[in-house]
Amino acid sequence: MHKSATYGIMAAVLFCGAAAFSSCQKKEEVKGTLIIQDMPAMTSENLKTIYTDNGKTQLIMSAPVVEQYNEDQVARYEFPKGITVEFYDGNPTPKGTITSHWAHYSDADKIWELRDSVVAVNNEKGSVLETELLYWNQAKETVWSDRFVKMTERDQIIMGNGFESDQKLEKVRVKNVTATIYVNNQ
């Protein structure tokens, strides 16, 4: 064998050996802190909560899924599959209901945000409010929106952009009315 070929083979073997040896050395592991963001602290399924006053049902809230998030010691709740709230005022039948396909509540501001196919019904007045976004201040017992709304009552349908009302939909004020349709009950 030629001397230069022998040196070439030896160099190749040494190179491969060095590469194999260096790959077997213990490598320093890079460790960081694992930060889990946007993960719920608690998840509940098929939630049903009943609020009473002096033993009389005032409100029943139900949701397929509730996720609780804790940020800076303040809890916020998301209802990614929707929510249904029934208002009773101590009577056996609900005075009204409100439903949506998504909801959010924060302990920080005490305001509910309902989105996607929001429907609020006042059974006593026979009125139905439909919108895509509704805010509900449970402490002040008010609801409002700045989006398109459709308010159907027994004798008329009112459409507009935005509204304000008490939570029972007894004193509704539709803003920026775009249409009023009178319904003949005959």
Foldseek 3Di string as FASTA:
>chain_A
DDPVVVVVVVVVVVVVVVVVVVVPDDDDDDDDDDDDPPAFPDKDAFDWDFDDDPPATAKIKTAGMKGWHADPNWIKIKRQQKMKMFGCRRHPHGQKMWIARIKMATPVQQKIKGAHFIWIAGNVQRKIKTDGIKMANPVQQKMKAQAWMWIDGPFKIWIAGMWIDGNNRPDIDHPHTPDMGTDDPD
